Amino acid sequence: MPSALLGEFDSADACATAIVKLRERGHPPVDAYMPYAAKNVEEALELPPSPLPGVVLCFGTLGACVAYLILWWTQSVNYPLNVGSHPTHSVPAFVGITFETMVLFASFAAFFGMLHFCRLPRLWHKAFEVPGLERASVDRFFVVLPAERGKGRELYDLLEDVGALRIVPVTFDEEGT
């Protein structure tokens, strides 16, 4: 019993139209493989917004707070120096390092967060065994439709109705990989 059906389409417009029709009939696709970023396909999938900007903001703020606290502790509390009768807690002197540490934490969060949310590095996926899926990086669009138990033939016919050029059953393991 396949756990998903992979439908192949020849254009972004055909793929987007098929996704909209599938969604209207109560079968939302879970993923699409495309040779380039097609805005209409992405809109048709109705993907939730990425949590990555929030993660980057949190880590950037954390980096700024950590840097400022370290500077404040070392220069004002732990080892205060009176240099030219300047105050030990001088905010303008802390701005540069605080900003740079904020950028460092945010960039690490963006890099590792992107890897985490994309589930990378994943060198192999069960769908890569589907003959012809390599055309998803050239000129074809593929839609993954989860197969519900006992409705395999109905979903197959549904993909045919929305204009799939070819339909391939794919069996995933428990995690969906």
N, C-alpha and C. Protein backbone atom coordinates (compact mmCIF):
# COMPACT_ATOMS: atom_id res chain seq x y z
N MET A 1 0.85 -1.19 0.00
CA MET A 1 0.00 0.00 0.00
C MET A 1 0.88 1.24 0.00
N PRO A 2 0.77 2.07 -1.02
CA PRO A 2 1.60 3.29 -1.05
C PRO A 2 1.14 4.28 0.02
N SER A 3 2.10 5.01 0.56
CA SER A 3 1.73 6.02 1.55
C SER A 3 1.55 7.39 0.92
N ALA A 4 1.93 7.52 -0.36
CA ALA A 4 1.74 8.78 -1.06
C ALA A 4 1.69 8.52 -2.56
N LEU A 5 1.06 9.46 -3.26
CA LEU A 5 1.05 9.43 -4.71
C LEU A 5 1.77 10.66 -5.21
N LEU A 6 2.59 10.48 -6.21
CA LEU A 6 3.38 11.56 -6.78
C LEU A 6 2.84 11.85 -8.18
N GLY A 7 2.28 13.04 -8.36
CA GLY A 7 1.72 13.43 -9.65
C GLY A 7 2.67 14.35 -10.38
N GLU A 8 2.86 14.13 -11.66
CA GLU A 8 3.79 14.90 -12.48
C GLU A 8 3.02 15.87 -13.37
N PHE A 9 3.50 17.12 -13.45
CA PHE A 9 2.87 18.15 -14.28
C PHE A 9 3.94 18.82 -15.13
N ASP A 10 3.51 19.36 -16.29
CA ASP A 10 4.50 19.92 -17.22
C ASP A 10 4.75 21.41 -17.04
N SER A 11 3.92 22.12 -16.27
CA SER A 11 4.15 23.56 -16.09
C SER A 11 3.73 23.98 -14.69
N ALA A 12 4.21 25.16 -14.30
CA ALA A 12 3.87 25.70 -12.99
C ALA A 12 2.39 26.01 -12.90
N ASP A 13 1.82 26.53 -13.98
CA ASP A 13 0.39 26.85 -13.97
C ASP A 13 -0.47 25.59 -13.83
N ALA A 14 -0.11 24.54 -14.53
CA ALA A 14 -0.86 23.28 -14.42
C ALA A 14 -0.74 22.71 -13.02
N CYS A 15 0.44 22.81 -12.44
CA CYS A 15 0.67 22.31 -11.08
C CYS A 15 -0.14 23.12 -10.07
N ALA A 16 -0.11 24.43 -10.19
CA ALA A 16 -0.86 25.29 -9.27
C ALA A 16 -2.36 25.05 -9.39
N THR A 17 -2.84 24.92 -10.62
CA THR A 17 -4.27 24.64 -10.83
C THR A 17 -4.66 23.31 -10.22
N ALA A 18 -3.80 22.31 -10.39
CA ALA A 18 -4.08 20.99 -9.82
C ALA A 18 -4.10 21.05 -8.29
N ILE A 19 -3.19 21.80 -7.70
CA ILE A 19 -3.15 21.92 -6.24
C ILE A 19 -4.44 22.58 -5.73
N VAL A 20 -4.88 23.62 -6.42
CA VAL A 20 -6.11 24.30 -6.02
C VAL A 20 -7.31 23.35 -6.13
N LYS A 21 -7.38 22.59 -7.21
CA LYS A 21 -8.49 21.65 -7.40
C LYS A 21 -8.45 20.54 -6.34
N LEU A 22 -7.25 20.04 -6.04
CA LEU A 22 -7.12 19.01 -5.02
C LEU A 22 -7.56 19.54 -3.65
N ARG A 23 -7.17 20.77 -3.35
CA ARG A 23 -7.54 21.39 -2.07
C ARG A 23 -9.05 21.58 -1.99
N GLU A 24 -9.67 21.99 -3.11
CA GLU A 24 -11.13 22.19 -3.13
C GLU A 24 -11.87 20.87 -2.90
N ARG A 25 -11.28 19.78 -3.34
CA ARG A 25 -11.93 18.47 -3.18
C ARG A 25 -11.57 17.81 -1.85
N GLY A 26 -10.86 18.53 -1.00
CA GLY A 26 -10.57 18.03 0.34
C GLY A 26 -9.33 17.19 0.48
N HIS A 27 -8.44 17.25 -0.49
CA HIS A 27 -7.19 16.48 -0.43
C HIS A 27 -6.01 17.43 -0.62
N PRO A 28 -5.59 18.13 0.43
CA PRO A 28 -4.47 19.06 0.24
C PRO A 28 -3.15 18.32 0.06
N PRO A 29 -2.38 18.69 -0.95
CA PRO A 29 -1.06 18.08 -1.14
C PRO A 29 -0.12 18.52 -0.01
N VAL A 30 0.87 17.70 0.27
CA VAL A 30 1.79 18.03 1.35
C VAL A 30 3.08 18.67 0.85
N ASP A 31 3.42 18.44 -0.40
CA ASP A 31 4.70 18.96 -0.88
C ASP A 31 4.67 19.06 -2.40
N ALA A 32 5.63 19.83 -2.92
CA ALA A 32 5.80 19.95 -4.36
C ALA A 32 7.28 20.02 -4.67
N TYR A 33 7.68 19.36 -5.73
CA TYR A 33 9.06 19.41 -6.21
C TYR A 33 9.05 20.21 -7.50
N MET A 34 9.87 21.28 -7.55
CA MET A 34 9.83 22.20 -8.69
C MET A 34 11.25 22.52 -9.16
N PRO A 35 11.42 22.81 -10.46
CA PRO A 35 12.74 23.17 -10.95
C PRO A 35 13.15 24.60 -10.60
N TYR A 36 12.20 25.44 -10.28
CA TYR A 36 12.47 26.82 -9.88
C TYR A 36 11.34 27.28 -8.96
N ALA A 37 11.55 28.36 -8.26
CA ALA A 37 10.53 28.86 -7.34
C ALA A 37 9.38 29.46 -8.13
N ALA A 38 8.27 28.82 -8.11
CA ALA A 38 7.07 29.29 -8.80
C ALA A 38 6.12 29.87 -7.75
N LYS A 39 5.91 31.16 -7.82
CA LYS A 39 5.09 31.85 -6.82
C LYS A 39 3.67 31.30 -6.76
N ASN A 40 3.09 31.02 -7.92
CA ASN A 40 1.71 30.54 -7.92
C ASN A 40 1.59 29.15 -7.28
N VAL A 41 2.59 28.30 -7.43
CA VAL A 41 2.56 26.99 -6.79
C VAL A 41 2.71 27.14 -5.28
N GLU A 42 3.61 28.01 -4.85
CA GLU A 42 3.80 28.25 -3.42
C GLU A 42 2.53 28.80 -2.78
N GLU A 43 1.87 29.71 -3.48
CA GLU A 43 0.61 30.27 -2.95
C GLU A 43 -0.49 29.21 -2.90
N ALA A 44 -0.52 28.35 -3.91
CA ALA A 44 -1.55 27.30 -3.94
C ALA A 44 -1.34 26.28 -2.82
N LEU A 45 -0.10 26.03 -2.44
CA LEU A 45 0.18 25.08 -1.36
C LEU A 45 -0.25 25.63 0.00
N GLU A 46 -0.37 26.95 0.11
CA GLU A 46 -0.75 27.62 1.36
C GLU A 46 0.14 27.17 2.51
N LEU A 47 1.44 27.29 2.30
CA LEU A 47 2.40 26.89 3.32
C LEU A 47 2.37 27.87 4.49
N PRO A 48 2.54 27.37 5.72
CA PRO A 48 2.59 28.27 6.87
C PRO A 48 3.88 29.10 6.82
N PRO A 49 3.86 30.27 7.43
CA PRO A 49 5.07 31.08 7.43
C PRO A 49 6.20 30.39 8.20
N SER A 50 7.40 30.67 7.79
CA SER A 50 8.56 30.05 8.42
C SER A 50 8.81 30.63 9.81
N PRO A 51 9.17 29.79 10.77
CA PRO A 51 9.51 30.30 12.10
C PRO A 51 10.93 30.85 12.17
N LEU A 52 11.68 30.76 11.08
CA LEU A 52 13.08 31.17 11.09
C LEU A 52 13.30 32.65 11.44
N PRO A 53 12.52 33.61 10.93
CA PRO A 53 12.77 35.00 11.33
C PRO A 53 12.63 35.23 12.83
N GLY A 54 11.68 34.57 13.46
CA GLY A 54 11.52 34.71 14.90
C GLY A 54 12.70 34.12 15.66
N VAL A 55 13.21 32.99 15.18
CA VAL A 55 14.38 32.37 15.81
C VAL A 55 15.59 33.28 15.68
N VAL A 56 15.78 33.85 14.49
CA VAL A 56 16.91 34.75 14.26
C VAL A 56 16.80 35.99 15.15
N LEU A 57 15.59 36.55 15.28
CA LEU A 57 15.39 37.70 16.15
C LEU A 57 15.72 37.37 17.60
N CYS A 58 15.25 36.22 18.07
CA CYS A 58 15.52 35.82 19.46
C CYS A 58 17.01 35.64 19.71
N PHE A 59 17.69 34.96 18.80
CA PHE A 59 19.12 34.74 19.00
C PHE A 59 19.92 36.03 18.84
N GLY A 60 19.50 36.91 17.95
CA GLY A 60 20.18 38.21 17.82
C GLY A 60 20.02 39.02 19.09
N THR A 61 18.82 39.03 19.65
CA THR A 61 18.59 39.74 20.91
C THR A 61 19.39 39.10 22.04
N LEU A 62 19.43 37.79 22.07
CA LEU A 62 20.22 37.08 23.08
C LEU A 62 21.70 37.44 22.95
N GLY A 63 22.20 37.48 21.73
CA GLY A 63 23.61 37.85 21.50
C GLY A 63 23.92 39.25 21.98
N ALA A 64 23.02 40.19 21.70
CA ALA A 64 23.23 41.57 22.15
C ALA A 64 23.22 41.64 23.67
N CYS A 65 22.29 40.94 24.31
CA CYS A 65 22.22 40.96 25.77
C CYS A 65 23.45 40.32 26.40
N VAL A 66 23.88 39.19 25.86
CA VAL A 66 25.07 38.52 26.38
C VAL A 66 26.29 39.42 26.26
N ALA A 67 26.49 40.03 25.10
CA ALA A 67 27.65 40.89 24.91
C ALA A 67 27.61 42.09 25.85
N TYR A 68 26.45 42.71 25.96
CA TYR A 68 26.35 43.88 26.82
C TYR A 68 26.58 43.52 28.29
N LEU A 69 26.01 42.40 28.72
CA LEU A 69 26.21 41.98 30.11
C LEU A 69 27.66 41.63 30.40
N ILE A 70 28.32 40.97 29.47
CA ILE A 70 29.74 40.66 29.67
C ILE A 70 30.56 41.94 29.74
N LEU A 71 30.31 42.87 28.85
CA LEU A 71 31.04 44.14 28.88
C LEU A 71 30.76 44.91 30.18
N TRP A 72 29.51 44.97 30.56
CA TRP A 72 29.15 45.69 31.78
C TRP A 72 29.81 45.04 33.00
N TRP A 73 29.74 43.70 33.08
CA TRP A 73 30.31 43.00 34.23
C TRP A 73 31.82 43.19 34.31
N THR A 74 32.50 43.01 33.20
CA THR A 74 33.95 43.11 33.24
C THR A 74 34.45 44.53 33.45
N GLN A 75 33.77 45.53 32.92
CA GLN A 75 34.28 46.90 32.97
C GLN A 75 33.73 47.71 34.13
N SER A 76 32.55 47.35 34.62
CA SER A 76 31.94 48.17 35.66
C SER A 76 31.91 47.49 37.02
N VAL A 77 31.80 46.18 37.07
CA VAL A 77 31.63 45.49 38.35
C VAL A 77 32.90 44.74 38.75
N ASN A 78 33.38 43.88 37.88
CA ASN A 78 34.48 42.99 38.23
C ASN A 78 35.82 43.72 38.31
N TYR A 79 36.12 44.56 37.34
CA TYR A 79 37.42 45.22 37.32
C TYR A 79 37.27 46.64 36.78
N PRO A 80 36.69 47.53 37.56
CA PRO A 80 36.49 48.91 37.08
C PRO A 80 37.81 49.68 37.06
N LEU A 81 38.06 50.37 35.97
CA LEU A 81 39.25 51.21 35.84
C LEU A 81 38.82 52.65 35.64
N ASN A 82 39.43 53.53 36.35
CA ASN A 82 39.14 54.95 36.18
C ASN A 82 40.19 55.50 35.22
N VAL A 83 39.83 55.64 33.97
CA VAL A 83 40.74 56.12 32.95
C VAL A 83 40.30 57.51 32.55
N GLY A 84 41.07 58.51 32.89
CA GLY A 84 40.77 59.88 32.51
C GLY A 84 39.47 60.38 33.08
N SER A 85 39.10 59.89 34.22
CA SER A 85 37.86 60.22 34.93
C SER A 85 36.61 60.01 34.07
N HIS A 86 36.67 59.01 33.18
CA HIS A 86 35.49 58.61 32.40
C HIS A 86 34.69 57.61 33.23
N PRO A 87 33.39 57.54 33.02
CA PRO A 87 32.60 56.57 33.78
C PRO A 87 32.94 55.14 33.36
N THR A 88 32.85 54.21 34.31
CA THR A 88 33.17 52.80 33.99
C THR A 88 32.08 52.16 33.14
N HIS A 89 30.85 52.65 33.26
CA HIS A 89 29.77 52.13 32.44
C HIS A 89 29.42 53.17 31.38
N SER A 90 30.12 53.09 30.25
CA SER A 90 29.93 54.04 29.16
C SER A 90 29.24 53.32 27.99
N VAL A 91 27.98 53.61 27.77
CA VAL A 91 27.18 52.91 26.76
C VAL A 91 27.78 53.05 25.36
N PRO A 92 28.22 54.25 24.92
CA PRO A 92 28.77 54.33 23.56
C PRO A 92 29.98 53.42 23.32
N ALA A 93 30.73 53.14 24.35
CA ALA A 93 31.89 52.26 24.19
C ALA A 93 31.46 50.81 24.01
N PHE A 94 30.26 50.46 24.43
CA PHE A 94 29.79 49.08 24.36
C PHE A 94 29.02 48.78 23.07
N VAL A 95 28.66 49.80 22.31
CA VAL A 95 27.78 49.62 21.16
C VAL A 95 28.40 48.73 20.08
N GLY A 96 29.64 48.95 19.75
CA GLY A 96 30.27 48.20 18.64
C GLY A 96 30.31 46.71 18.89
N ILE A 97 30.83 46.31 20.02
CA ILE A 97 30.95 44.87 20.32
C ILE A 97 29.57 44.26 20.50
N THR A 98 28.64 44.99 21.10
CA THR A 98 27.28 44.50 21.28
C THR A 98 26.64 44.23 19.91
N PHE A 99 26.80 45.17 18.99
CA PHE A 99 26.23 44.99 17.65
C PHE A 99 26.86 43.80 16.93
N GLU A 100 28.17 43.69 16.99
CA GLU A 100 28.85 42.59 16.30
C GLU A 100 28.46 41.23 16.88
N THR A 101 28.30 41.14 18.17
CA THR A 101 27.90 39.87 18.78
C THR A 101 26.45 39.54 18.42
N MET A 102 25.60 40.57 18.33
CA MET A 102 24.23 40.35 17.90
C MET A 102 24.21 39.78 16.48
N VAL A 103 25.00 40.33 15.59
CA VAL A 103 25.06 39.84 14.21
C VAL A 103 25.61 38.43 14.17
N LEU A 104 26.61 38.13 14.99
CA LEU A 104 27.19 36.79 15.03
C LEU A 104 26.16 35.75 15.48
N PHE A 105 25.46 36.02 16.58
CA PHE A 105 24.45 35.08 17.07
C PHE A 105 23.32 34.92 16.05
N ALA A 106 22.88 36.03 15.46
CA ALA A 106 21.77 35.96 14.49
C ALA A 106 22.18 35.18 13.24
N SER A 107 23.41 35.37 12.78
CA SER A 107 23.84 34.65 11.57
C SER A 107 24.00 33.16 11.84
N PHE A 108 24.51 32.80 13.01
CA PHE A 108 24.57 31.37 13.35
C PHE A 108 23.17 30.78 13.47
N ALA A 109 22.25 31.53 14.06
CA ALA A 109 20.87 31.04 14.19
C ALA A 109 20.23 30.88 12.81
N ALA A 110 20.51 31.81 11.90
CA ALA A 110 19.94 31.71 10.55
C ALA A 110 20.49 30.49 9.83
N PHE A 111 21.79 30.28 9.92
CA PHE A 111 22.42 29.16 9.22
C PHE A 111 21.96 27.82 9.77
N PHE A 112 22.11 27.62 11.08
CA PHE A 112 21.75 26.34 11.67
C PHE A 112 20.23 26.15 11.76
N GLY A 113 19.47 27.24 11.90
CA GLY A 113 18.02 27.15 11.88
C GLY A 113 17.51 26.72 10.52
N MET A 114 18.10 27.25 9.45
CA MET A 114 17.70 26.85 8.11
C MET A 114 17.99 25.37 7.90
N LEU A 115 19.15 24.91 8.35
CA LEU A 115 19.45 23.49 8.22
C LEU A 115 18.44 22.64 9.01
N HIS A 116 18.09 23.09 10.19
CA HIS A 116 17.16 22.33 11.03
C HIS A 116 15.75 22.30 10.42
N PHE A 117 15.23 23.45 10.02
CA PHE A 117 13.86 23.51 9.52
C PHE A 117 13.73 22.84 8.15
N CYS A 118 14.80 22.78 7.38
CA CYS A 118 14.77 22.07 6.09
C CYS A 118 15.15 20.60 6.25
N ARG A 119 15.40 20.19 7.47
CA ARG A 119 15.83 18.82 7.79
C ARG A 119 17.05 18.41 6.97
N LEU A 120 18.02 19.30 6.93
CA LEU A 120 19.25 19.03 6.21
C LEU A 120 20.36 18.76 7.20
N PRO A 121 21.43 18.14 6.86
CA PRO A 121 21.71 17.55 5.56
C PRO A 121 21.05 16.19 5.43
N ARG A 122 20.18 16.06 4.48
CA ARG A 122 19.53 14.80 4.18
C ARG A 122 19.98 14.42 2.78
N LEU A 123 20.83 13.43 2.71
CA LEU A 123 21.44 13.07 1.44
C LEU A 123 20.56 12.14 0.60
N TRP A 124 19.54 11.55 1.23
CA TRP A 124 18.71 10.59 0.52
C TRP A 124 17.28 10.70 1.01
N HIS A 125 16.35 10.53 0.11
CA HIS A 125 14.93 10.54 0.43
C HIS A 125 14.27 9.45 -0.40
N LYS A 126 13.27 8.82 0.14
CA LYS A 126 12.59 7.72 -0.56
C LYS A 126 12.03 8.16 -1.92
N ALA A 127 11.61 9.41 -2.00
CA ALA A 127 11.05 9.90 -3.27
C ALA A 127 12.10 9.97 -4.37
N PHE A 128 13.38 10.02 -4.00
CA PHE A 128 14.43 10.09 -5.01
C PHE A 128 14.54 8.80 -5.82
N GLU A 129 13.92 7.72 -5.35
CA GLU A 129 13.93 6.46 -6.08
C GLU A 129 12.91 6.43 -7.20
N VAL A 130 12.01 7.40 -7.24
CA VAL A 130 10.98 7.43 -8.27
C VAL A 130 11.63 7.73 -9.62
N PRO A 131 11.44 6.86 -10.60
CA PRO A 131 12.04 7.13 -11.91
C PRO A 131 11.46 8.41 -12.51
N GLY A 132 12.31 9.27 -12.98
CA GLY A 132 11.87 10.50 -13.61
C GLY A 132 11.82 11.70 -12.68
N LEU A 133 12.02 11.51 -11.36
CA LEU A 133 11.96 12.63 -10.44
C LEU A 133 13.13 13.60 -10.66
N GLU A 134 14.19 13.13 -11.31
CA GLU A 134 15.31 14.04 -11.60
C GLU A 134 14.89 15.18 -12.52
N ARG A 135 13.78 15.00 -13.22
CA ARG A 135 13.28 16.08 -14.08
C ARG A 135 12.71 17.24 -13.27
N ALA A 136 12.52 17.04 -11.96
CA ALA A 136 12.06 18.13 -11.10
C ALA A 136 13.10 19.23 -11.00
N SER A 137 14.33 18.92 -11.35
CA SER A 137 15.37 19.96 -11.36
C SER A 137 15.60 20.51 -12.77
N VAL A 138 14.80 20.05 -13.74
CA VAL A 138 14.96 20.52 -15.11
C VAL A 138 13.69 21.22 -15.61
N ASP A 139 12.60 20.44 -15.76
CA ASP A 139 11.43 21.03 -16.41
C ASP A 139 10.08 20.48 -15.95
N ARG A 140 10.03 19.67 -14.92
CA ARG A 140 8.77 19.08 -14.49
C ARG A 140 8.43 19.51 -13.06
N PHE A 141 7.14 19.48 -12.75
CA PHE A 141 6.63 19.83 -11.44
C PHE A 141 5.94 18.59 -10.86
N PHE A 142 6.23 18.28 -9.62
CA PHE A 142 5.67 17.10 -8.98
C PHE A 142 4.92 17.52 -7.72
N VAL A 143 3.79 16.87 -7.48
CA VAL A 143 2.98 17.12 -6.29
C VAL A 143 2.87 15.82 -5.52
N VAL A 144 3.09 15.89 -4.20
CA VAL A 144 2.96 14.72 -3.33
C VAL A 144 1.61 14.78 -2.63
N LEU A 145 0.82 13.75 -2.82
CA LEU A 145 -0.51 13.66 -2.22
C LEU A 145 -0.52 12.45 -1.29
N PRO A 146 -0.77 12.65 0.01
CA PRO A 146 -0.78 11.50 0.92
C PRO A 146 -1.94 10.56 0.60
N ALA A 147 -1.63 9.28 0.55
CA ALA A 147 -2.65 8.27 0.25
C ALA A 147 -3.28 7.81 1.54
N GLU A 148 -4.58 7.96 1.63
CA GLU A 148 -5.31 7.50 2.81
C GLU A 148 -5.65 6.03 2.64
N ARG A 149 -5.70 5.32 3.74
CA ARG A 149 -5.96 3.88 3.70
C ARG A 149 -7.31 3.59 3.03
N GLY A 150 -7.27 2.76 2.01
CA GLY A 150 -8.49 2.36 1.33
C GLY A 150 -8.96 3.32 0.24
N LYS A 151 -8.26 4.43 0.03
CA LYS A 151 -8.69 5.40 -0.98
C LYS A 151 -7.65 5.57 -2.08
N GLY A 152 -6.78 4.60 -2.25
CA GLY A 152 -5.71 4.70 -3.23
C GLY A 152 -6.21 4.92 -4.65
N ARG A 153 -7.19 4.12 -5.07
CA ARG A 153 -7.70 4.22 -6.44
C ARG A 153 -8.45 5.54 -6.64
N GLU A 154 -9.19 5.97 -5.63
CA GLU A 154 -9.93 7.23 -5.72
C GLU A 154 -8.96 8.42 -5.88
N LEU A 155 -7.88 8.40 -5.11
CA LEU A 155 -6.89 9.48 -5.21
C LEU A 155 -6.14 9.43 -6.55
N TYR A 156 -5.89 8.22 -7.03
CA TYR A 156 -5.26 8.05 -8.33
C TYR A 156 -6.14 8.68 -9.42
N ASP A 157 -7.43 8.38 -9.39
CA ASP A 157 -8.37 8.95 -10.37
C ASP A 157 -8.46 10.47 -10.21
N LEU A 158 -8.40 10.94 -8.97
CA LEU A 158 -8.46 12.37 -8.70
C LEU A 158 -7.27 13.09 -9.32
N LEU A 159 -6.08 12.50 -9.19
CA LEU A 159 -4.89 13.10 -9.81
C LEU A 159 -5.00 13.08 -11.33
N GLU A 160 -5.58 12.03 -11.88
CA GLU A 160 -5.80 11.99 -13.33
C GLU A 160 -6.76 13.09 -13.76
N ASP A 161 -7.81 13.31 -12.97
CA ASP A 161 -8.81 14.33 -13.30
C ASP A 161 -8.22 15.73 -13.30
N VAL A 162 -7.27 16.00 -12.42
CA VAL A 162 -6.70 17.35 -12.35
C VAL A 162 -5.57 17.55 -13.36
N GLY A 163 -5.27 16.53 -14.16
CA GLY A 163 -4.34 16.72 -15.27
C GLY A 163 -2.93 16.23 -15.07
N ALA A 164 -2.73 15.27 -14.18
CA ALA A 164 -1.38 14.74 -13.98
C ALA A 164 -0.95 13.94 -15.21
N LEU A 165 0.28 14.19 -15.67
CA LEU A 165 0.80 13.45 -16.81
C LEU A 165 1.14 12.02 -16.44
N ARG A 166 1.61 11.85 -15.21
CA ARG A 166 2.01 10.53 -14.73
C ARG A 166 1.80 10.50 -13.23
N ILE A 167 1.39 9.36 -12.70
CA ILE A 167 1.16 9.20 -11.27
C ILE A 167 1.95 7.99 -10.79
N VAL A 168 2.76 8.21 -9.76
CA VAL A 168 3.63 7.16 -9.25
C VAL A 168 3.35 6.95 -7.76
N PRO A 169 3.09 5.72 -7.33
CA PRO A 169 2.94 5.47 -5.89
C PRO A 169 4.30 5.43 -5.21
N VAL A 170 4.38 6.02 -4.01
CA VAL A 170 5.62 6.07 -3.24
C VAL A 170 5.31 5.60 -1.83
N THR A 171 6.18 4.75 -1.30
CA THR A 171 6.01 4.25 0.07
C THR A 171 7.07 4.88 0.95
N PHE A 172 6.63 5.63 1.96
CA PHE A 172 7.54 6.24 2.91
C PHE A 172 7.54 5.42 4.19
N ASP A 173 8.56 5.62 5.02
CA ASP A 173 8.58 4.94 6.31
C ASP A 173 7.75 5.73 7.32
N GLU A 174 7.85 5.41 8.59
CA GLU A 174 7.00 5.99 9.62
C GLU A 174 7.18 7.50 9.76
N GLU A 175 8.40 8.02 9.55
CA GLU A 175 8.67 9.44 9.73
C GLU A 175 8.26 10.27 8.52
N GLY A 176 7.90 9.64 7.43
CA GLY A 176 7.55 10.35 6.22
C GLY A 176 8.75 10.65 5.35
N THR A 177 9.88 9.96 5.63
CA THR A 177 11.08 10.17 4.82
C THR A 177 11.37 8.99 3.95
